[in-house]
Amino acid sequence: MYIIIVGIDNTGKALANHLIAEGHEVVLVERDDERAKSLAESMDALIIHGDGSNTEILRDAGIERADAAAVLTPDDNTNLTICQILKKFKVPRIVAMVNDTKKKDLYIGLDITAAISPVTALVSYFKNALVQEGSRSVASIANGNAELLEVRFSNHKLDGRKIKDMGLPGGVLIAVVYRNGEVIIASGDTIVKKNDVLTVVTRTDVVKDVLHLLRE
């Protein structure tokens, strides 16, 4: 894939290195002169020095043939402008970093592939790691209103029940059951067994109830 990354902080650099290692062709757009020079000296990628919200700079980066783009500048207004330009040039996959969570709806309104808030994701992850024993938060989604969790099922009272008969709260979906090395894509008729690892999509406001039910 031909991928453009705009805004190269530590996150952008790490992302670029991973993509390059996987064999993707990566172009980096960086506004800061010193950072652009440093990147050119340390990375095996084309570095474009300039403002990523400038259409001509994005043309220099190859926007017309890009398969995907990541927009990672620290300014939401800049990110939104860049996303609009990328949409105009019909870049198939656009992922943007949301700096101010209050502006996430603006990104969603652009109908891009993903708008990711590092703050929301990290807060959710640390919170769950601190207080939710026996589970792991994989991701915070839907602007922090939902969670993707991995939970080891230990409620002996529900051992051997079908998912549809477990009495899960509304707004909860068990998507995957992992058992003895086997991955089972779950449905309502899937039977859960003690020590299964369940991948659960749940509304944030019922996480506590879900964990209580699965680990009672």
Protein backbone atom coordinates (compact mmCIF):
# COMPACT_ATOMS: atom_id res chain seq x y z
CA MET A 1 0.00 0.00 0.00
CA TYR A 2 1.01 3.62 -0.62
CA ILE A 3 0.41 5.44 2.69
CA ILE A 4 0.78 9.11 3.60
CA ILE A 5 1.32 10.13 7.22
CA VAL A 6 0.87 13.80 8.08
CA GLY A 7 2.32 15.06 11.37
CA ILE A 8 5.26 13.00 12.62
CA ASP A 9 5.50 12.99 16.40
CA ASN A 10 6.57 9.86 18.28
CA THR A 11 3.30 8.15 17.38
CA GLY A 12 3.65 8.96 13.71
CA LYS A 13 7.27 7.81 13.62
CA ALA A 14 6.45 4.52 15.35
CA LEU A 15 3.52 3.95 12.99
CA ALA A 16 5.70 4.68 9.96
CA ASN A 17 8.39 2.25 11.12
CA HIS A 18 5.83 -0.53 11.55
CA LEU A 19 4.33 0.10 8.11
CA ILE A 20 7.74 0.23 6.44
CA ALA A 21 8.73 -3.04 8.15
CA GLU A 22 5.60 -4.64 6.68
CA GLY A 23 6.65 -3.57 3.19
CA HIS A 24 4.34 -0.60 2.63
CA GLU A 25 5.50 2.48 0.75
CA VAL A 26 5.30 5.34 3.24
CA VAL A 27 5.56 9.10 2.69
CA LEU A 28 5.85 11.44 5.68
CA VAL A 29 4.68 15.05 5.67
CA GLU A 30 6.16 17.20 8.44
CA ARG A 31 5.82 20.96 8.88
CA ASP A 32 8.65 21.48 11.38
CA ASP A 33 11.96 22.04 9.59
CA GLU A 34 14.27 20.47 12.18
CA ARG A 35 12.04 17.44 12.65
CA ALA A 36 11.79 16.93 8.89
CA LYS A 37 15.60 16.98 8.61
CA SER A 38 15.95 14.52 11.48
CA LEU A 39 13.41 12.17 9.88
CA ALA A 40 15.20 12.33 6.53
CA GLU A 41 18.42 11.25 8.22
CA SER A 42 16.93 8.41 10.26
CA MET A 43 14.13 6.85 8.22
CA ASP A 44 13.86 4.87 5.01
CA ALA A 45 10.95 6.91 3.66
CA LEU A 46 10.28 9.95 1.50
CA ILE A 47 10.01 13.04 3.70
CA ILE A 48 8.01 16.05 2.48
CA HIS A 49 8.73 19.25 4.39
CA GLY A 50 5.66 21.44 4.42
CA ASP A 51 2.16 22.17 5.70
CA GLY A 52 -0.03 19.10 5.24
CA SER A 53 -3.13 21.30 4.98
CA ASN A 54 -1.74 22.70 1.72
CA THR A 55 -3.10 20.84 -1.31
CA GLU A 56 0.14 21.28 -3.27
CA ILE A 57 2.16 19.74 -0.47
CA LEU A 58 -0.18 16.75 -0.46
CA ARG A 59 0.18 16.51 -4.23
CA ASP A 60 3.96 16.36 -3.73
CA ALA A 61 3.34 13.54 -1.25
CA GLY A 62 1.38 11.60 -3.86
CA ILE A 63 -2.17 12.12 -2.68
CA GLU A 64 -3.55 11.20 -6.10
CA ARG A 65 -2.28 7.64 -5.79
CA ALA A 66 -2.51 7.14 -2.04
CA ASP A 67 -4.25 4.01 -0.75
CA ALA A 68 -4.50 5.37 2.78
CA ALA A 69 -3.55 8.31 4.98
CA ALA A 70 -3.04 8.96 8.68
CA VAL A 71 -3.52 12.52 9.94
CA LEU A 72 -1.70 13.03 13.24
CA THR A 73 -1.01 16.73 13.76
CA PRO A 74 -1.66 18.17 17.25
CA ASP A 75 -4.24 20.67 15.93
CA ASP A 76 -7.79 19.50 15.23
CA ASN A 77 -8.62 22.32 12.83
CA THR A 78 -5.58 21.38 10.74
CA ASN A 79 -6.51 17.71 10.89
CA LEU A 80 -10.07 18.40 9.78
CA THR A 81 -8.84 20.50 6.84
CA ILE A 82 -6.44 17.77 5.77
CA CYS A 83 -9.21 15.15 6.02
CA GLN A 84 -11.42 17.27 3.77
CA ILE A 85 -8.66 17.49 1.16
CA LEU A 86 -8.04 13.75 1.36
CA LYS A 87 -11.76 13.10 0.89
CA LYS A 88 -11.79 15.43 -2.14
CA PHE A 89 -9.02 13.34 -3.72
CA LYS A 90 -10.94 10.15 -2.86
CA VAL A 91 -8.24 8.57 -0.69
CA PRO A 92 -9.88 5.21 0.20
CA ARG A 93 -8.83 4.98 3.87
CA ILE A 94 -8.40 7.99 6.15
CA VAL A 95 -7.54 7.74 9.85
CA ALA A 96 -7.25 10.85 12.00
CA MET A 97 -6.11 11.60 15.54
CA VAL A 98 -8.63 13.50 17.67
CA ASN A 99 -6.87 15.87 20.07
CA ASP A 100 -9.96 17.43 21.67
CA THR A 101 -12.62 14.79 22.34
CA LYS A 102 -15.33 17.48 22.05
CA LYS A 103 -14.53 17.71 18.34
CA LYS A 104 -14.84 14.00 17.56
CA ASP A 105 -18.29 14.45 16.02
CA LEU A 106 -16.76 16.81 13.45
CA TYR A 107 -14.48 14.02 12.28
CA ILE A 108 -17.33 11.53 12.21
CA GLY A 109 -19.31 13.99 10.09
CA LEU A 110 -16.59 13.75 7.43
CA ASP A 111 -17.29 10.03 7.08
CA ILE A 112 -13.64 9.02 7.34
CA THR A 113 -12.46 5.49 8.16
CA ALA A 114 -11.63 6.17 11.81
CA ALA A 115 -11.26 9.06 14.25
CA ILE A 116 -9.15 7.98 17.22
CA SER A 117 -8.83 9.83 20.51
CA PRO A 118 -5.64 8.70 22.30
CA VAL A 119 -6.74 10.41 25.52
CA THR A 120 -10.07 8.60 25.64
CA ALA A 121 -8.49 5.26 24.80
CA LEU A 122 -5.70 5.61 27.38
CA VAL A 123 -8.00 6.79 30.17
CA SER A 124 -10.32 3.85 29.55
CA TYR A 125 -7.44 1.37 29.39
CA PHE A 126 -5.80 2.58 32.60
CA LYS A 127 -9.12 2.82 34.44
CA ASN A 128 -10.05 -0.73 33.56
CA ALA A 129 -6.57 -2.05 34.36
CA LEU A 130 -6.77 -0.43 37.78
CA VAL A 131 -10.25 -1.47 38.89
CA GLN A 132 -11.44 -4.38 36.76
CA GLU A 133 -9.66 -7.50 37.95
CA GLY A 134 -9.77 -10.43 35.57
CA SER A 135 -10.49 -8.40 32.45
CA ARG A 136 -8.55 -6.42 29.88
CA SER A 137 -9.77 -3.36 28.03
CA VAL A 138 -8.83 -3.74 24.38
CA ALA A 139 -10.27 -0.44 23.16
CA SER A 140 -12.57 2.42 23.97
CA ILE A 141 -14.98 3.02 21.09
CA ALA A 142 -17.95 5.20 20.12
CA ASN A 143 -16.39 8.32 21.65
CA GLY A 144 -15.92 6.57 24.99
CA ASN A 145 -19.52 5.33 25.18
CA ALA A 146 -18.60 1.70 24.55
CA GLU A 147 -15.78 -0.71 25.44
CA LEU A 148 -14.19 -3.71 23.84
CA LEU A 149 -13.18 -6.09 26.64
CA GLU A 150 -11.52 -9.46 27.05
CA VAL A 151 -12.90 -11.29 30.08
CA ARG A 152 -12.09 -14.73 31.49
CA PHE A 153 -15.47 -16.36 32.17
CA SER A 154 -15.62 -17.81 35.70
CA ASN A 155 -19.31 -17.82 36.75
CA HIS A 156 -19.93 -21.49 37.54
CA LYS A 157 -23.69 -20.86 37.70
CA LEU A 158 -23.73 -20.02 33.98
CA ASP A 159 -21.21 -22.67 32.94
CA GLY A 160 -22.56 -24.53 29.89
CA ARG A 161 -25.29 -21.98 29.09
CA LYS A 162 -26.00 -20.56 25.67
CA ILE A 163 -25.14 -16.88 25.34
CA LYS A 164 -28.78 -15.98 24.68
CA ASP A 165 -29.74 -17.58 28.01
CA MET A 166 -27.13 -15.84 30.17
CA GLY A 167 -29.21 -12.77 31.00
CA LEU A 168 -26.75 -10.23 29.64
CA PRO A 169 -27.70 -6.57 30.09
CA GLY A 170 -28.98 -4.64 27.07
CA GLY A 171 -26.27 -3.15 24.88
CA VAL A 172 -23.90 -6.10 25.35
CA LEU A 173 -22.56 -8.47 22.69
CA ILE A 174 -20.24 -11.44 23.16
CA ALA A 175 -18.44 -11.53 19.82
CA VAL A 176 -15.71 -14.15 20.24
CA VAL A 177 -15.11 -17.14 22.52
CA TYR A 178 -11.48 -18.30 22.87
CA ARG A 179 -11.19 -21.84 24.26
CA ASN A 180 -8.11 -24.08 24.41
CA GLY A 181 -6.50 -22.36 21.43
CA GLU A 182 -9.71 -22.36 19.37
CA VAL A 183 -11.38 -19.15 18.21
CA ILE A 184 -15.18 -19.36 18.07
CA ILE A 185 -17.16 -16.56 16.42
CA ALA A 186 -20.07 -16.34 18.80
CA SER A 187 -23.82 -16.32 18.22
CA GLY A 188 -26.75 -16.49 20.60
CA ASP A 189 -26.60 -20.30 20.48
CA THR A 190 -22.89 -20.50 21.37
CA ILE A 191 -22.30 -22.29 24.67
CA VAL A 192 -19.83 -20.72 27.10
CA LYS A 193 -17.69 -22.73 29.48
CA LYS A 194 -15.72 -21.83 32.59
CA ASN A 195 -12.26 -20.38 31.78
CA ASP A 196 -13.30 -19.34 28.26
CA VAL A 197 -11.86 -15.93 27.30
CA LEU A 198 -14.71 -13.84 25.96
CA THR A 199 -14.37 -10.80 23.71
CA VAL A 200 -17.21 -8.51 24.73
CA VAL A 201 -18.57 -5.31 23.18
CA THR A 202 -20.46 -3.38 25.82
CA ARG A 203 -21.86 0.05 26.59
CA THR A 204 -19.56 1.77 29.08
CA ASP A 205 -22.38 2.38 31.55
CA VAL A 206 -23.02 -1.36 32.01
CA VAL A 207 -19.40 -2.60 32.13
CA LYS A 208 -19.60 -3.18 35.90
CA ASP A 209 -22.78 -5.26 35.53
CA VAL A 210 -21.29 -7.31 32.70
CA LEU A 211 -18.15 -8.11 34.65
CA HIS A 212 -20.16 -9.06 37.73
CA LEU A 213 -22.30 -11.44 35.67
CA LEU A 214 -19.40 -13.12 33.88
CA ARG A 215 -17.19 -13.51 36.97
CA GLU A 216 -19.70 -14.08 39.81
